[in-house]
Amino acid sequence: MRKGKIQTSTDSPLYSRRSFLHQASSCSAYLLAAFAAGPTLLRRAFAASQKYDVVASEPFGRLEQVADGVWALISTPQSGRETLSNGGIVAGRDGVMVIEAQYMGEGADWLIAAAEELTGRPPTHLVLTHYHADHSWGMSAYARHKEPPVLYTTHQTRDLLTASLEGGEREMPGAEMFASATMISAAGSQERVDLGGRAVHIDSRAGHTPSDLSIEVDDPRVVFCGDLVWNGMFPNYMDAIPSRLTRQCRAMLGDPSALYVPGHGGLATAEEMQPYLALLEEIGRAARDAFEKGTPASEAAAEYSLPSSLGEWTMFSPSYYQVAFEAWERELSQ
């Protein structure tokens, strides 16, 4: 397949309810701060280095082929917001799984077209890792198809997504897919999906939000982490349960044979993700120390800076330390 443009459908709807976000709890709000921060910081944040052959690319994203029948979408929204999150395509003899619905229908259309061109068939499975809009609001592109893919998500994700809509609205474009979705049980459970000669495991977790999913391809070992994992960018703690986030990431990121696809940022090995684990541990240490001393999270965060030994992490706003410290404060106060 050639590099370059994959045509998207010309009738992809531009959502009339573009103000749908409940900004206080969405990664979209967090990432859209990058656009306000300016193009230099934006380019730096999303300039994740390419590791594998790129089979399709647009200013808003690229597809890297990481193995036979496995492609990772690396979102690079430098001049468009069609995609804001990473995702991917996993193909077997009998099925094609797409990971993440993306932020806009146009971004989802592009990924659907890529899946068809690369595999010869439309997506048959769609996994939604969590409720944040940058991962979910392209669902309408899948719902329009004559045979929509089977949706995999959780009851909590469905409920959190509908509850987050502005003004109390309970519908969103593509929400009808929830009616026939395969719901993954509470954290700690796993769903095995056989795509035909290729097994994929969908694991129920919690940490970035109260309900997250990770997707693990057996052979070769590729793990799609959702927003539990960020690479090169300071993570979003807006909805986090910090101790669970750290615990889940420690469990996921220890396989030296695996390739990891983070929710945002470039592809990485287990060794390359060790700085992220160190970052989570350090934020936890500092936040717990402040809590034990009785120092309010806002005050502790204002005086905090990451140790230089942890390397460089893109932050679109210094307030993100406060968001992280407040998440720890909420959990420790319970």
C-alpha atoms as a PDB file:
ATOM      1  CA  MET A   1       0.000   0.000   0.000  1.00  0.00           C
ATOM      2  CA  ARG A   2       1.336   3.402  -0.899  1.00  0.00           C
ATOM      3  CA  LYS A   3       2.100   6.082   1.607  1.00  0.00           C
ATOM      4  CA  GLY A   4      -0.147   9.107   1.537  1.00  0.00           C
ATOM      5  CA  LYS A   5      -3.777   9.930   1.377  1.00  0.00           C
ATOM      6  CA  ILE A   6      -6.536   7.431   2.028  1.00  0.00           C
ATOM      7  CA  GLN A   7      -9.792   8.865   0.802  1.00  0.00           C
ATOM      8  CA  THR A   8     -12.494   9.455   3.371  1.00  0.00           C
ATOM      9  CA  SER A   9     -16.195   9.585   2.694  1.00  0.00           C
ATOM     10  CA  THR A  10     -17.435  12.955   1.511  1.00  0.00           C
ATOM     11  CA  ASP A  11     -20.662  12.678   3.488  1.00  0.00           C
ATOM     12  CA  SER A  12     -18.977  12.293   6.895  1.00  0.00           C
ATOM     13  CA  PRO A  13     -21.088  14.460   9.217  1.00  0.00           C
ATOM     14  CA  LEU A  14     -19.603  17.417  11.011  1.00  0.00           C
ATOM     15  CA  TYR A  15     -21.163  17.190  14.433  1.00  0.00           C
ATOM     16  CA  SER A  16     -23.586  20.015  15.179  1.00  0.00           C
ATOM     17  CA  ARG A  17     -22.974  19.475  18.895  1.00  0.00           C
ATOM     18  CA  ARG A  18     -19.268  20.238  18.801  1.00  0.00           C
ATOM     19  CA  SER A  19     -19.562  21.607  22.333  1.00  0.00           C
ATOM     20  CA  PHE A  20     -20.429  18.116  23.583  1.00  0.00           C
ATOM     21  CA  LEU A  21     -17.404  17.820  25.841  1.00  0.00           C
ATOM     22  CA  HIS A  22     -17.631  17.916  29.554  1.00  0.00           C
ATOM     23  CA  GLN A  23     -14.276  19.674  29.484  1.00  0.00           C
ATOM     24  CA  ALA A  24     -13.343  19.081  33.100  1.00  0.00           C
ATOM     25  CA  SER A  25     -13.093  15.326  32.668  1.00  0.00           C
ATOM     26  CA  SER A  26     -11.952  14.715  29.113  1.00  0.00           C
ATOM     27  CA  CYS A  27      -8.537  14.020  27.645  1.00  0.00           C
ATOM     28  CA  SER A  28      -9.740  16.034  24.680  1.00  0.00           C
ATOM     29  CA  ALA A  29      -9.674  19.183  26.766  1.00  0.00           C
ATOM     30  CA  TYR A  30      -6.239  18.224  28.026  1.00  0.00           C
ATOM     31  CA  LEU A  31      -4.885  17.661  24.524  1.00  0.00           C
ATOM     32  CA  LEU A  32      -6.618  20.638  22.968  1.00  0.00           C
ATOM     33  CA  ALA A  33      -4.535  22.738  25.334  1.00  0.00           C
ATOM     34  CA  ALA A  34      -1.699  21.807  22.985  1.00  0.00           C
ATOM     35  CA  PHE A  35      -3.306  23.856  20.238  1.00  0.00           C
ATOM     36  CA  ALA A  36      -3.578  26.847  22.559  1.00  0.00           C
ATOM     37  CA  ALA A  37       0.024  26.357  23.680  1.00  0.00           C
ATOM     38  CA  GLY A  38       1.250  27.016  20.154  1.00  0.00           C
ATOM     39  CA  PRO A  39       2.579  25.127  17.138  1.00  0.00           C
ATOM     40  CA  THR A  40       6.145  24.683  18.405  1.00  0.00           C
ATOM     41  CA  LEU A  41       5.107  22.857  21.564  1.00  0.00           C
ATOM     42  CA  LEU A  42       2.455  20.985  19.612  1.00  0.00           C
ATOM     43  CA  ARG A  43       4.959  19.699  17.078  1.00  0.00           C
ATOM     44  CA  ARG A  44       7.372  18.734  19.836  1.00  0.00           C
ATOM     45  CA  ALA A  45       4.695  16.833  21.726  1.00  0.00           C
ATOM     46  CA  PHE A  46       3.563  14.817  18.736  1.00  0.00           C
ATOM     47  CA  ALA A  47       6.908  14.395  16.980  1.00  0.00           C
ATOM     48  CA  ALA A  48       7.174  10.788  18.097  1.00  0.00           C
ATOM     49  CA  SER A  49       9.892   9.073  16.098  1.00  0.00           C
ATOM     50  CA  GLN A  50       8.858   6.546  13.487  1.00  0.00           C
ATOM     51  CA  LYS A  51       9.892   2.954  14.278  1.00  0.00           C
ATOM     52  CA  TYR A  52       8.290   0.931  11.471  1.00  0.00           C
ATOM     53  CA  ASP A  53       7.250   1.331   7.845  1.00  0.00           C
ATOM     54  CA  VAL A  54       4.511   3.924   7.370  1.00  0.00           C
ATOM     55  CA  VAL A  55       1.777   2.616   5.088  1.00  0.00           C
ATOM     56  CA  ALA A  56      -0.493   5.677   5.217  1.00  0.00           C
ATOM     57  CA  SER A  57      -0.140   9.162   6.614  1.00  0.00           C
ATOM     58  CA  GLU A  58      -1.967  12.438   7.025  1.00  0.00           C
ATOM     59  CA  PRO A  59      -1.068  15.524   9.056  1.00  0.00           C
ATOM     60  CA  PHE A  60      -3.304  14.151  11.817  1.00  0.00           C
ATOM     61  CA  GLY A  61      -1.938  10.603  11.975  1.00  0.00           C
ATOM     62  CA  ARG A  62       0.137   7.812  10.481  1.00  0.00           C
ATOM     63  CA  LEU A  63      -0.166   4.041  10.318  1.00  0.00           C
ATOM     64  CA  GLU A  64       2.957   2.029  11.094  1.00  0.00           C
ATOM     65  CA  GLN A  65       2.984  -1.670  10.238  1.00  0.00           C
ATOM     66  CA  VAL A  66       4.427  -3.297  13.343  1.00  0.00           C
ATOM     67  CA  ALA A  67       3.900  -6.914  12.195  1.00  0.00           C
ATOM     68  CA  ASP A  68       2.062  -8.947   9.607  1.00  0.00           C
ATOM     69  CA  GLY A  69      -1.581  -7.989  10.044  1.00  0.00           C
ATOM     70  CA  VAL A  70      -0.945  -5.476  12.847  1.00  0.00           C
ATOM     71  CA  TRP A  71      -0.808  -1.710  12.360  1.00  0.00           C
ATOM     72  CA  ALA A  72      -0.462   1.053  14.963  1.00  0.00           C
ATOM     73  CA  LEU A  73      -2.099   4.431  14.467  1.00  0.00           C
ATOM     74  CA  ILE A  74       0.114   7.183  15.862  1.00  0.00           C
ATOM     75  CA  SER A  75      -1.886  10.376  16.171  1.00  0.00           C
ATOM     76  CA  THR A  76      -0.021  13.514  15.043  1.00  0.00           C
ATOM     77  CA  PRO A  77      -2.666  16.275  15.107  1.00  0.00           C
ATOM     78  CA  GLN A  78      -0.380  19.092  14.047  1.00  0.00           C
ATOM     79  CA  SER A  79      -2.826  20.715  11.623  1.00  0.00           C
ATOM     80  CA  GLY A  80      -6.081  18.873  12.250  1.00  0.00           C
ATOM     81  CA  ARG A  81      -8.055  17.241  15.014  1.00  0.00           C
ATOM     82  CA  GLU A  82      -9.493  14.286  13.116  1.00  0.00           C
ATOM     83  CA  THR A  83      -7.521  11.976  15.389  1.00  0.00           C
ATOM     84  CA  LEU A  84      -6.277  12.927  18.832  1.00  0.00           C
ATOM     85  CA  SER A  85      -5.512   9.474  20.205  1.00  0.00           C
ATOM     86  CA  ASN A  86      -3.474   6.506  19.077  1.00  0.00           C
ATOM     87  CA  GLY A  87      -5.164   3.283  18.040  1.00  0.00           C
ATOM     88  CA  GLY A  88      -4.665   0.508  15.551  1.00  0.00           C
ATOM     89  CA  ILE A  89      -5.807  -2.312  13.296  1.00  0.00           C
ATOM     90  CA  VAL A  90      -5.415  -6.047  13.992  1.00  0.00           C
ATOM     91  CA  ALA A  91      -6.378  -8.560  11.293  1.00  0.00           C
ATOM     92  CA  GLY A  92      -6.882 -12.318  11.229  1.00  0.00           C
ATOM     93  CA  ARG A  93      -8.366 -14.675   8.631  1.00  0.00           C
ATOM     94  CA  ASP A  94     -11.934 -14.051   9.748  1.00  0.00           C
ATOM     95  CA  GLY A  95     -12.007 -10.603  11.298  1.00  0.00           C
ATOM     96  CA  VAL A  96     -10.521  -7.131  11.486  1.00  0.00           C
ATOM     97  CA  MET A  97     -10.364  -5.325  14.811  1.00  0.00           C
ATOM     98  CA  VAL A  98     -10.010  -1.544  15.016  1.00  0.00           C
ATOM     99  CA  ILE A  99      -8.912  -0.019  18.299  1.00  0.00           C
ATOM    100  CA  GLU A 100     -10.412   3.351  19.279  1.00  0.00           C
ATOM    101  CA  ALA A 101     -13.229   5.223  17.527  1.00  0.00           C
ATOM    102  CA  GLN A 102     -11.200   8.445  17.344  1.00  0.00           C
ATOM    103  CA  TYR A 103     -12.198  12.051  17.988  1.00  0.00           C
ATOM    104  CA  MET A 104     -13.987  12.963  14.747  1.00  0.00           C
ATOM    105  CA  GLY A 105     -15.953  10.987  12.195  1.00  0.00           C
ATOM    106  CA  GLU A 106     -13.475  12.086   9.557  1.00  0.00           C
ATOM    107  CA  GLY A 107     -10.619  10.466  11.459  1.00  0.00           C
ATOM    108  CA  ALA A 108     -12.632   7.281  11.919  1.00  0.00           C
ATOM    109  CA  ASP A 109     -13.525   7.260   8.200  1.00  0.00           C
ATOM    110  CA  TRP A 110      -9.839   7.452   7.342  1.00  0.00           C
ATOM    111  CA  LEU A 111      -9.007   4.524   9.623  1.00  0.00           C
ATOM    112  CA  ILE A 112     -11.939   2.475   8.280  1.00  0.00           C
ATOM    113  CA  ALA A 113     -10.755   3.107   4.713  1.00  0.00           C
ATOM    114  CA  ALA A 114      -7.234   2.097   5.710  1.00  0.00           C
ATOM    115  CA  ALA A 115      -8.479  -1.144   7.274  1.00  0.00           C
ATOM    116  CA  GLU A 116     -10.390  -2.024   4.116  1.00  0.00           C
ATOM    117  CA  GLU A 117      -7.457  -1.235   1.843  1.00  0.00           C
ATOM    118  CA  LEU A 118      -4.943  -3.100   3.990  1.00  0.00           C
ATOM    119  CA  THR A 119      -7.035  -6.193   4.756  1.00  0.00           C
ATOM    120  CA  GLY A 120      -9.599  -6.342   1.972  1.00  0.00           C
ATOM    121  CA  ARG A 121     -12.555  -6.125   4.339  1.00  0.00           C
ATOM    122  CA  PRO A 122     -14.227  -3.551   6.601  1.00  0.00           C
ATOM    123  CA  PRO A 123     -13.727  -3.655  10.372  1.00  0.00           C
ATOM    124  CA  THR A 124     -15.681  -6.419  12.119  1.00  0.00           C
ATOM    125  CA  HIS A 125     -14.718  -5.490  15.697  1.00  0.00           C
ATOM    126  CA  LEU A 126     -14.265  -2.105  17.399  1.00  0.00           C
ATOM    127  CA  VAL A 127     -12.751  -1.659  20.864  1.00  0.00           C
ATOM    128  CA  LEU A 128     -13.393   1.496  22.872  1.00  0.00           C
ATOM    129  CA  THR A 129     -10.828   1.662  25.681  1.00  0.00           C
ATOM    130  CA  HIS A 130     -12.525   4.374  27.745  1.00  0.00           C
ATOM    131  CA  TYR A 131     -15.059   7.159  27.580  1.00  0.00           C
ATOM    132  CA  HIS A 132     -12.978  10.257  26.809  1.00  0.00           C
ATOM    133  CA  ALA A 133     -14.094  12.009  23.640  1.00  0.00           C
ATOM    134  CA  ASP A 134     -10.776  11.797  21.796  1.00  0.00           C
ATOM    135  CA  HIS A 135     -11.227   8.003  21.797  1.00  0.00           C
ATOM    136  CA  SER A 136     -14.980   7.710  21.362  1.00  0.00           C
ATOM    137  CA  TRP A 137     -16.721  10.398  19.360  1.00  0.00           C
ATOM    138  CA  GLY A 138     -15.974   8.959  15.922  1.00  0.00           C
ATOM    139  CA  MET A 139     -18.380   6.069  16.606  1.00  0.00           C
ATOM    140  CA  SER A 140     -20.936   7.491  14.172  1.00  0.00           C
ATOM    141  CA  ALA A 141     -18.626   6.562  11.282  1.00  0.00           C
ATOM    142  CA  TYR A 142     -18.931   2.884  12.278  1.00  0.00           C
ATOM    143  CA  ALA A 143     -22.659   3.052  13.031  1.00  0.00           C
ATOM    144  CA  ARG A 144     -23.370   4.249   9.466  1.00  0.00           C
ATOM    145  CA  HIS A 145     -22.094   1.025   7.925  1.00  0.00           C
ATOM    146  CA  LYS A 146     -24.551  -1.595   6.652  1.00  0.00           C
ATOM    147  CA  GLU A 147     -22.960  -4.126   8.999  1.00  0.00           C
ATOM    148  CA  PRO A 148     -21.429  -2.147  11.890  1.00  0.00           C
ATOM    149  CA  PRO A 149     -18.594  -3.863  13.744  1.00  0.00           C
ATOM    150  CA  VAL A 150     -19.178  -5.519  17.093  1.00  0.00           C
ATOM    151  CA  LEU A 151     -18.377  -2.962  19.764  1.00  0.00           C
ATOM    152  CA  TYR A 152     -16.351  -4.024  22.820  1.00  0.00           C
ATOM    153  CA  THR A 153     -16.433  -1.729  25.833  1.00  0.00           C
ATOM    154  CA  THR A 154     -17.711  -1.669  29.432  1.00  0.00           C
ATOM    155  CA  HIS A 155     -20.940  -0.636  31.110  1.00  0.00           C
ATOM    156  CA  GLN A 156     -18.986   1.966  33.039  1.00  0.00           C
ATOM    157  CA  THR A 157     -17.537   3.487  29.878  1.00  0.00           C
ATOM    158  CA  ARG A 158     -20.987   3.689  28.295  1.00  0.00           C
ATOM    159  CA  ASP A 159     -22.476   5.317  31.395  1.00  0.00           C
ATOM    160  CA  LEU A 160     -19.590   7.738  31.896  1.00  0.00           C
ATOM    161  CA  LEU A 161     -19.693   8.771  28.257  1.00  0.00           C
ATOM    162  CA  THR A 162     -23.385   9.530  28.209  1.00  0.00           C
ATOM    163  CA  ALA A 163     -23.223  11.255  31.610  1.00  0.00           C
ATOM    164  CA  SER A 164     -20.414  13.539  30.385  1.00  0.00           C
ATOM    165  CA  LEU A 165     -22.471  15.128  27.620  1.00  0.00           C
ATOM    166  CA  GLU A 166     -23.157  18.799  28.043  1.00  0.00           C
ATOM    167  CA  GLY A 167     -26.587  19.899  29.161  1.00  0.00           C
ATOM    168  CA  GLY A 168     -27.643  16.446  30.287  1.00  0.00           C
ATOM    169  CA  GLU A 169     -28.043  15.076  26.748  1.00  0.00           C
ATOM    170  CA  ARG A 170     -28.143  11.292  26.769  1.00  0.00           C
ATOM    171  CA  GLU A 171     -27.444  10.611  23.119  1.00  0.00           C
ATOM    172  CA  MET A 172     -24.446  10.982  20.858  1.00  0.00           C
ATOM    173  CA  PRO A 173     -23.822  10.147  17.205  1.00  0.00           C
ATOM    174  CA  GLY A 174     -23.309   6.381  17.039  1.00  0.00           C
ATOM    175  CA  ALA A 175     -24.692   5.689  20.524  1.00  0.00           C
ATOM    176  CA  GLU A 176     -26.995   3.036  19.087  1.00  0.00           C
ATOM    177  CA  MET A 177     -23.957   0.726  18.895  1.00  0.00           C
ATOM    178  CA  PHE A 178     -24.078   0.339  22.673  1.00  0.00           C
ATOM    179  CA  ALA A 179     -27.330  -1.629  22.389  1.00  0.00           C
ATOM    180  CA  SER A 180     -25.595  -4.616  20.781  1.00  0.00           C
ATOM    181  CA  ALA A 181     -22.146  -4.138  22.333  1.00  0.00           C
ATOM    182  CA  THR A 182     -20.165  -6.885  24.035  1.00  0.00           C
ATOM    183  CA  MET A 183     -19.658  -5.537  27.533  1.00  0.00           C
ATOM    184  CA  ILE A 184     -16.437  -6.474  29.310  1.00  0.00           C
ATOM    185  CA  SER A 185     -16.925  -7.094  33.034  1.00  0.00           C
ATOM    186  CA  ALA A 186     -15.354  -5.172  35.880  1.00  0.00           C
ATOM    187  CA  ALA A 187     -11.610  -4.674  36.294  1.00  0.00           C
ATOM    188  CA  GLY A 188      -9.635  -7.883  36.420  1.00  0.00           C
ATOM    189  CA  SER A 189     -11.598  -9.773  33.774  1.00  0.00           C
ATOM    190  CA  GLN A 190     -10.531 -10.655  30.248  1.00  0.00           C
ATOM    191  CA  GLU A 191     -12.304 -11.302  26.944  1.00  0.00           C
ATOM    192  CA  ARG A 192     -10.609 -13.476  24.306  1.00  0.00           C
ATOM    193  CA  VAL A 193     -11.414 -12.677  20.683  1.00  0.00           C
ATOM    194  CA  ASP A 194     -10.392 -15.075  17.909  1.00  0.00           C
ATOM    195  CA  LEU A 195      -9.984 -13.187  14.638  1.00  0.00           C
ATOM    196  CA  GLY A 196      -9.059 -16.386  12.799  1.00  0.00           C
ATOM    197  CA  GLY A 197      -5.543 -17.592  13.471  1.00  0.00           C
ATOM    198  CA  ARG A 198      -4.920 -14.586  15.680  1.00  0.00           C
ATOM    199  CA  ALA A 199      -6.014 -14.296  19.288  1.00  0.00           C
ATOM    200  CA  VAL A 200      -6.563 -10.941  20.945  1.00  0.00           C
ATOM    201  CA  HIS A 201      -7.178 -10.473  24.662  1.00  0.00           C
ATOM    202  CA  ILE A 202      -9.156  -7.482  25.929  1.00  0.00           C
ATOM    203  CA  ASP A 203      -8.341  -6.818  29.582  1.00  0.00           C
ATOM    204  CA  SER A 204     -10.572  -4.806  31.896  1.00  0.00           C
ATOM    205  CA  ARG A 205      -8.586  -2.360  34.001  1.00  0.00           C
ATOM    206  CA  ALA A 206      -9.003   0.899  35.916  1.00  0.00           C
ATOM    207  CA  GLY A 207      -6.678   3.772  36.684  1.00  0.00           C
ATOM    208  CA  HIS A 208      -6.771   6.431  33.989  1.00  0.00           C
ATOM    209  CA  THR A 209     -10.549   6.428  34.457  1.00  0.00           C
ATOM    210  CA  PRO A 210     -12.784   4.198  36.583  1.00  0.00           C
ATOM    211  CA  SER A 211     -12.987   1.840  33.588  1.00  0.00           C
ATOM    212  CA  ASP A 212     -10.232   1.228  31.026  1.00  0.00           C
ATOM    213  CA  LEU A 213      -9.430  -1.533  28.559  1.00  0.00           C
ATOM    214  CA  SER A 214      -6.103  -2.729  27.189  1.00  0.00           C
ATOM    215  CA  ILE A 215      -5.791  -4.918  24.107  1.00  0.00           C
ATOM    216  CA  GLU A 216      -3.088  -7.562  23.815  1.00  0.00           C
ATOM    217  CA  VAL A 217      -2.183  -9.409  20.622  1.00  0.00           C
ATOM    218  CA  ASP A 218      -0.731 -12.843  21.380  1.00  0.00           C
ATOM    219  CA  ASP A 219       1.612 -13.311  18.433  1.00  0.00           C
ATOM    220  CA  PRO A 220       3.484 -11.097  17.990  1.00  0.00           C
ATOM    221  CA  ARG A 221       3.176  -9.461  21.399  1.00  0.00           C
ATOM    222  CA  VAL A 222       1.667  -6.022  20.814  1.00  0.00           C
ATOM    223  CA  VAL A 223      -0.144  -4.223  23.643  1.00  0.00           C
ATOM    224  CA  PHE A 224      -2.513  -1.333  22.957  1.00  0.00           C
ATOM    225  CA  CYS A 225      -2.563   0.460  26.310  1.00  0.00           C
ATOM    226  CA  GLY A 226      -5.178   3.167  25.893  1.00  0.00           C
ATOM    227  CA  ASP A 227      -4.539   6.208  28.051  1.00  0.00           C
ATOM    228  CA  LEU A 228      -3.195   4.211  30.944  1.00  0.00           C
ATOM    229  CA  VAL A 229       0.137   4.841  29.204  1.00  0.00           C
ATOM    230  CA  TRP A 230       1.548   8.068  27.728  1.00  0.00           C
ATOM    231  CA  ASN A 231       4.936   8.381  26.079  1.00  0.00           C
ATOM    232  CA  GLY A 232       6.813  11.663  26.255  1.00  0.00           C
ATOM    233  CA  MET A 233       3.806  13.651  27.477  1.00  0.00           C
ATOM    234  CA  PHE A 234       2.818  14.194  31.091  1.00  0.00           C
ATOM    235  CA  PRO A 235      -0.267  12.011  31.649  1.00  0.00           C
ATOM    236  CA  ASN A 236      -3.774  13.259  32.267  1.00  0.00           C
ATOM    237  CA  TYR A 237      -4.883  12.655  35.875  1.00  0.00           C
ATOM    238  CA  MET A 238      -8.287  14.388  35.533  1.00  0.00           C
ATOM    239  CA  ASP A 239     -10.260  11.201  36.161  1.00  0.00           C
ATOM    240  CA  ALA A 240      -7.439   9.078  37.513  1.00  0.00           C
ATOM    241  CA  ILE A 241      -7.391   6.668  40.410  1.00  0.00           C
ATOM    242  CA  PRO A 242      -3.638   7.141  40.847  1.00  0.00           C
ATOM    243  CA  SER A 243      -2.671   4.072  42.856  1.00  0.00           C
ATOM    244  CA  ARG A 244      -4.536   1.831  40.410  1.00  0.00           C
ATOM    245  CA  LEU A 245      -2.982   3.660  37.468  1.00  0.00           C
ATOM    246  CA  THR A 246       0.509   2.978  38.788  1.00  0.00           C
ATOM    247  CA  ARG A 247      -0.306  -0.631  39.639  1.00  0.00           C
ATOM    248  CA  GLN A 248      -1.872  -1.381  36.255  1.00  0.00           C
ATOM    249  CA  CYS A 249       1.017   0.187  34.354  1.00  0.00           C
ATOM    250  CA  ARG A 250       3.552  -1.729  36.402  1.00  0.00           C
ATOM    251  CA  ALA A 251       1.734  -4.950  35.517  1.00  0.00           C
ATOM    252  CA  MET A 252       1.426  -4.126  31.816  1.00  0.00           C
ATOM    253  CA  LEU A 253       4.841  -2.686  31.046  1.00  0.00           C
ATOM    254  CA  GLY A 254       7.088  -5.479  32.233  1.00  0.00           C
ATOM    255  CA  ASP A 255       7.157  -7.761  29.194  1.00  0.00           C
ATOM    256  CA  PRO A 256      10.500  -7.425  27.361  1.00  0.00           C
ATOM    257  CA  SER A 257       9.058  -9.208  24.314  1.00  0.00           C
ATOM    258  CA  ALA A 258       6.172  -6.762  23.858  1.00  0.00           C
ATOM    259  CA  LEU A 259       5.755  -3.660  21.745  1.00  0.00           C
ATOM    260  CA  TYR A 260       3.604  -1.049  23.479  1.00  0.00           C
ATOM    261  CA  VAL A 261       1.202   1.340  21.781  1.00  0.00           C
ATOM    262  CA  PRO A 262       0.475   4.138  24.282  1.00  0.00           C
ATOM    263  CA  GLY A 263      -2.660   6.233  24.192  1.00  0.00           C
ATOM    264  CA  HIS A 264      -0.545   9.197  23.140  1.00  0.00           C
ATOM    265  CA  GLY A 265       3.051   9.368  21.928  1.00  0.00           C
ATOM    266  CA  GLY A 266       5.308   6.993  20.063  1.00  0.00           C
ATOM    267  CA  LEU A 267       5.669   3.225  20.097  1.00  0.00           C
ATOM    268  CA  ALA A 268       7.958   1.841  22.780  1.00  0.00           C
ATOM    269  CA  THR A 269       9.498  -1.277  24.252  1.00  0.00           C
ATOM    270  CA  ALA A 270       9.260  -2.231  27.912  1.00  0.00           C
ATOM    271  CA  GLU A 271      12.717  -0.769  28.498  1.00  0.00           C
ATOM    272  CA  GLU A 272      11.740   2.489  26.823  1.00  0.00           C
ATOM    273  CA  MET A 273       8.648   2.745  29.051  1.00  0.00           C
ATOM    274  CA  GLN A 274      10.612   2.527  32.295  1.00  0.00           C
ATOM    275  CA  PRO A 275      10.884   6.348  32.547  1.00  0.00           C
ATOM    276  CA  TYR A 276       7.078   6.523  32.468  1.00  0.00           C
ATOM    277  CA  LEU A 277       6.836   4.101  35.381  1.00  0.00           C
ATOM    278  CA  ALA A 278       9.435   6.159  37.230  1.00  0.00           C
ATOM    279  CA  LEU A 279       7.372   9.300  36.546  1.00  0.00           C
ATOM    280  CA  LEU A 280       4.217   7.726  38.012  1.00  0.00           C
ATOM    281  CA  GLU A 281       6.119   6.540  41.072  1.00  0.00           C
ATOM    282  CA  GLU A 282       7.694   9.959  41.601  1.00  0.00           C
ATOM    283  CA  ILE A 283       4.405  11.842  41.331  1.00  0.00           C
ATOM    284  CA  GLY A 284       2.866   9.379  43.779  1.00  0.00           C
ATOM    285  CA  ARG A 285       5.742   9.802  46.219  1.00  0.00           C
ATOM    286  CA  ALA A 286       5.541  13.596  46.128  1.00  0.00           C
ATOM    287  CA  ALA A 287       1.749  13.710  46.402  1.00  0.00           C
ATOM    288  CA  ARG A 288       1.623  11.243  49.307  1.00  0.00           C
ATOM    289  CA  ASP A 289       4.357  13.161  51.099  1.00  0.00           C
ATOM    290  CA  ALA A 290       2.380  16.398  50.758  1.00  0.00           C
ATOM    291  CA  PHE A 291      -0.791  14.699  51.981  1.00  0.00           C
ATOM    292  CA  GLU A 292       0.922  13.254  55.029  1.00  0.00           C
ATOM    293  CA  LYS A 293       2.272  16.710  55.896  1.00  0.00           C
ATOM    294  CA  GLY A 294      -1.178  18.265  55.495  1.00  0.00           C
ATOM    295  CA  THR A 295      -0.089  20.431  52.585  1.00  0.00           C
ATOM    296  CA  PRO A 296      -2.969  21.183  50.180  1.00  0.00           C
ATOM    297  CA  ALA A 297      -2.498  19.699  46.719  1.00  0.00           C
ATOM    298  CA  SER A 298      -2.614  23.105  45.016  1.00  0.00           C
ATOM    299  CA  GLU A 299       0.121  24.456  47.267  1.00  0.00           C
ATOM    300  CA  ALA A 300       2.329  21.383  46.961  1.00  0.00           C
ATOM    301  CA  ALA A 301       1.948  21.321  43.169  1.00  0.00           C
ATOM    302  CA  ALA A 302       2.858  24.994  42.845  1.00  0.00           C
ATOM    303  CA  GLU A 303       6.203  24.283  44.496  1.00  0.00           C
ATOM    304  CA  TYR A 304       6.875  21.027  42.673  1.00  0.00           C
ATOM    305  CA  SER A 305       9.073  20.237  39.687  1.00  0.00           C
ATOM    306  CA  LEU A 306      10.086  16.865  38.259  1.00  0.00           C
ATOM    307  CA  PRO A 307      13.648  15.722  39.000  1.00  0.00           C
ATOM    308  CA  SER A 308      15.880  16.198  35.972  1.00  0.00           C
ATOM    309  CA  SER A 309      16.840  12.523  36.230  1.00  0.00           C
ATOM    310  CA  LEU A 310      13.408  11.630  34.813  1.00  0.00           C
ATOM    311  CA  GLY A 311      14.191  13.329  31.511  1.00  0.00           C
ATOM    312  CA  GLU A 312      11.961  15.647  29.501  1.00  0.00           C
ATOM    313  CA  TRP A 313       8.178  15.429  29.551  1.00  0.00           C
ATOM    314  CA  THR A 314       6.018  17.735  27.463  1.00  0.00           C
ATOM    315  CA  MET A 315       3.548  19.693  29.581  1.00  0.00           C
ATOM    316  CA  PHE A 316       1.065  22.017  27.937  1.00  0.00           C
ATOM    317  CA  SER A 317       0.325  23.772  31.216  1.00  0.00           C
ATOM    318  CA  PRO A 318       2.000  23.892  34.643  1.00  0.00           C
ATOM    319  CA  SER A 319      -1.454  23.241  36.130  1.00  0.00           C
ATOM    320  CA  TYR A 320      -1.075  19.564  35.228  1.00  0.00           C
ATOM    321  CA  TYR A 321       0.980  18.981  38.381  1.00  0.00           C
ATOM    322  CA  GLN A 322      -1.954  20.298  40.370  1.00  0.00           C
ATOM    323  CA  VAL A 323      -4.370  17.985  38.535  1.00  0.00           C
ATOM    324  CA  ALA A 324      -2.128  15.030  39.438  1.00  0.00           C
ATOM    325  CA  PHE A 325      -1.675  16.041  43.079  1.00  0.00           C
ATOM    326  CA  GLU A 326      -5.417  16.640  43.461  1.00  0.00           C
ATOM    327  CA  ALA A 327      -6.162  13.178  42.080  1.00  0.00           C
ATOM    328  CA  TRP A 328      -3.892  11.671  44.721  1.00  0.00           C
ATOM    329  CA  GLU A 329      -5.454  13.888  47.384  1.00  0.00           C
ATOM    330  CA  ARG A 330      -8.959  12.668  46.425  1.00  0.00           C
ATOM    331  CA  GLU A 331      -7.914   9.034  46.641  1.00  0.00           C
ATOM    332  CA  LEU A 332      -5.971   9.381  49.890  1.00  0.00           C
ATOM    333  CA  SER A 333      -8.866  11.279  51.517  1.00  0.00           C
ATOM    334  CA  GLN A 334     -11.317   8.440  51.001  1.00  0.00           C
END
